[in-house]
Each structure stands twice: as structure tokens, then as C-alpha cells.
């Protein structure tokens, strides 16, 4: 039995769920997992981090703050 998986189906599925398991013709399961990358843009640079811990290490190394700052001037 062959089913077509469309782009729309995958978009809707991953909007609601974090993973999907599909099966090969021989019955072997293959699992796809939604993965996020954290990106910091600014100052003509872009940095991508795979984990939250990598992002926090970058923030600490460069003495950045996660708290919002209001500048009046």
C-alpha cells in the first residue's frame, strides 16, 4: 500500500506535534523530529545555536543580558 505525503500534510502535522513516525515498505519505522535552531541577528552578524545552553554560554561570554532595556533619549 502506497500513500503520498504532501507538504501541506507535514506542515499541519508538525504544527500540532513534535515528531512523526513513518514506515518503510519492509515495516522498519523511521522517526522524524521537529528541531529548532536559536538564531541571534544584529550588528551585521548572525549566530546560530543548536541548544539553549550554547546560546546561554554565548550570552555569558559576551556579557549580554536577556532582560529588556528601555532607553529614553
Protein backbone atom coordinates (compact mmCIF):
# COMPACT_ATOMS: atom_id res chain seq x y z
CA UNK A 1 0.00 0.00 0.00
CA UNK A 2 1.45 3.36 -1.02
CA UNK A 3 0.38 6.72 0.41
CA UNK A 4 1.52 10.12 -0.79
CA UNK A 5 2.66 12.53 1.91
CA UNK A 6 2.18 16.13 0.89
CA UNK A 7 3.91 19.27 2.08
CA UNK A 8 0.59 20.53 3.48
CA UNK A 9 0.10 17.33 5.49
CA UNK A 10 3.57 17.65 7.04
CA UNK A 11 3.11 21.34 7.83
CA UNK A 12 -0.20 20.67 9.57
CA UNK A 13 1.14 17.64 11.44
CA UNK A 14 4.27 19.42 12.74
CA UNK A 15 2.17 22.43 13.73
CA UNK A 16 0.39 20.17 16.23
CA UNK A 17 3.08 17.55 17.03
CA UNK A 18 6.87 17.39 17.55
CA UNK A 19 7.51 14.10 15.72
CA UNK A 20 6.13 11.68 13.14
CA UNK A 21 6.90 8.01 12.55
CA UNK A 22 6.72 6.64 9.03
CA UNK A 23 7.27 3.05 7.95
CA UNK A 24 9.40 1.71 5.11
CA UNK A 25 7.89 -0.97 2.83
CA UNK A 26 9.64 -3.66 4.93
CA UNK A 27 7.97 -2.35 8.11
CA UNK A 28 11.03 -0.59 9.55
CA UNK A 29 9.98 2.58 11.43
CA UNK A 30 11.65 5.92 10.64
CA UNK A 31 11.00 8.81 13.04
CA UNK A 32 11.35 12.48 12.11
CA UNK A 33 11.61 15.02 14.92
CA UNK A 34 11.00 18.76 14.79
CA UNK A 35 14.25 20.56 15.61
CA UNK A 36 14.63 24.26 16.35
CA UNK A 37 17.70 26.42 15.91
CA UNK A 38 18.20 29.52 18.01
CA UNK A 39 19.46 32.48 15.97
CA UNK A 40 20.81 35.84 17.13
CA UNK A 41 20.93 38.57 14.46
CA UNK A 42 22.39 42.05 14.80
CA UNK A 43 25.39 44.23 14.16
CA UNK A 44 25.87 42.79 10.66
CA UNK A 45 26.36 39.32 12.21
CA UNK A 46 24.22 36.22 12.57
CA UNK A 47 24.88 33.44 15.07
CA UNK A 48 23.08 30.08 15.12
CA UNK A 49 22.94 27.82 18.19
CA UNK A 50 21.71 24.24 18.31
CA UNK A 51 20.90 24.21 22.04
CA UNK A 52 19.77 26.67 24.66
CA UNK A 53 22.95 26.00 26.65
CA UNK A 54 25.11 27.10 23.69
CA UNK A 55 23.10 30.32 23.50
CA UNK A 56 23.50 30.98 27.23
CA UNK A 57 27.26 30.36 27.02
CA UNK A 58 27.46 32.91 24.18
CA UNK A 59 25.46 35.45 26.21
CA UNK A 60 27.70 34.98 29.27
CA UNK A 61 30.90 35.17 27.20
CA UNK A 62 29.83 38.46 25.60
CA UNK A 63 28.24 39.88 28.80
CA UNK A 64 24.78 40.18 27.22
CA UNK A 65 21.52 40.43 29.16
CA UNK A 66 18.16 38.76 28.50
CA UNK A 67 16.21 41.42 30.41
CA UNK A 68 14.53 44.09 28.29
CA UNK A 69 16.02 47.59 28.48
CA UNK A 70 14.08 50.77 27.84
CA UNK A 71 16.22 53.62 26.53
CA UNK A 72 14.71 57.11 26.57
CA UNK A 73 16.60 59.76 24.79
